[in-house]
Amino acid sequence: MRLAVIPARGGSKRIPRKNIAPFCGRPLIAYALDAVANSGMFDNIHVSTDADEICKVVEALGYSV
């Protein structure tokens, strides 16, 4: 099994809530997750985070937290 772990901290010093900030109509983290998923290199994709807000967004996108 090939596992990708994407770290997504909740507390950014420069850009608050940057991982879930909208960019072209989608949360910023969605682009990273889709790039990993479309690479075909991983069987499982997991997001590691300390923020409940990020958990909800990632789960809504269909990825595990």
Protein backbone atom coordinates (compact mmCIF):
# COMPACT_ATOMS: atom_id res chain seq x y z
CA MET A 1 0.00 0.00 0.00
CA ARG A 2 1.33 3.41 -0.97
CA LEU A 3 0.13 6.12 1.41
CA ALA A 4 0.27 9.87 0.89
CA VAL A 5 0.01 12.02 4.01
CA ILE A 6 -0.83 15.68 3.45
CA PRO A 7 -0.13 17.90 6.49
CA ALA A 8 -2.57 20.81 6.88
CA ARG A 9 -1.98 22.99 9.91
CA GLY A 10 -4.84 25.09 11.15
CA GLY A 11 -2.76 28.01 12.40
CA SER A 12 -1.01 29.89 9.65
CA LYS A 13 0.90 32.98 10.74
CA ARG A 14 0.78 34.86 7.43
CA ILE A 15 -2.51 33.81 5.82
CA PRO A 16 -5.24 32.83 8.30
CA ARG A 17 -7.25 29.72 7.30
CA LYS A 18 -5.20 29.39 4.09
CA ASN A 19 -5.84 25.67 3.61
CA ILE A 20 -9.59 26.23 3.34
CA ALA A 21 -9.47 29.70 1.78
CA PRO A 22 -11.39 29.79 -1.50
CA PHE A 23 -9.31 30.00 -4.66
CA CYS A 24 -11.18 30.02 -7.98
CA GLY A 25 -14.27 28.67 -6.21
CA ARG A 26 -12.59 25.76 -4.39
CA PRO A 27 -10.71 25.43 -1.09
CA LEU A 28 -6.97 25.70 -1.61
CA ILE A 29 -6.32 22.25 -0.14
CA ALA A 30 -8.57 20.69 -2.80
CA TYR A 31 -5.95 21.44 -5.47
CA ALA A 32 -3.20 19.63 -3.54
CA LEU A 33 -5.46 16.65 -2.84
CA ASP A 34 -6.57 16.38 -6.46
CA ALA A 35 -2.97 16.60 -7.70
CA VAL A 36 -1.96 13.71 -5.45
CA ALA A 37 -5.04 11.69 -6.42
CA ASN A 38 -4.49 12.28 -10.15
CA SER A 39 -0.80 11.35 -9.95
CA GLY A 40 -1.71 7.68 -9.74
CA MET A 41 1.19 7.06 -7.36
CA PHE A 42 -0.79 6.45 -4.17
CA ASP A 43 -3.41 3.95 -3.04
CA ASN A 44 -4.57 6.00 -0.06
CA ILE A 45 -4.53 9.73 0.66
CA HIS A 46 -4.75 10.94 4.24
CA VAL A 47 -4.79 14.49 5.61
CA SER A 48 -3.21 15.17 8.98
CA THR A 49 -4.56 18.30 10.68
CA ASP A 50 -5.18 19.91 14.04
CA ALA A 51 -8.22 21.95 12.95
CA ASP A 52 -11.85 20.83 12.96
CA GLU A 53 -12.65 23.25 10.14
CA ILE A 54 -10.11 21.61 7.85
CA CYS A 55 -11.44 18.16 8.82
CA LYS A 56 -14.94 19.09 7.68
CA VAL A 57 -13.74 20.52 4.36
CA VAL A 58 -11.49 17.55 3.60
CA GLU A 59 -14.20 15.02 4.46
CA ALA A 60 -16.69 16.95 2.28
CA LEU A 61 -14.19 16.58 -0.58
CA GLY A 62 -14.18 12.81 -0.04
CA TYR A 63 -10.76 12.31 1.54
CA SER A 64 -9.85 10.79 4.90
CA VAL A 65 -8.59 12.72 7.89
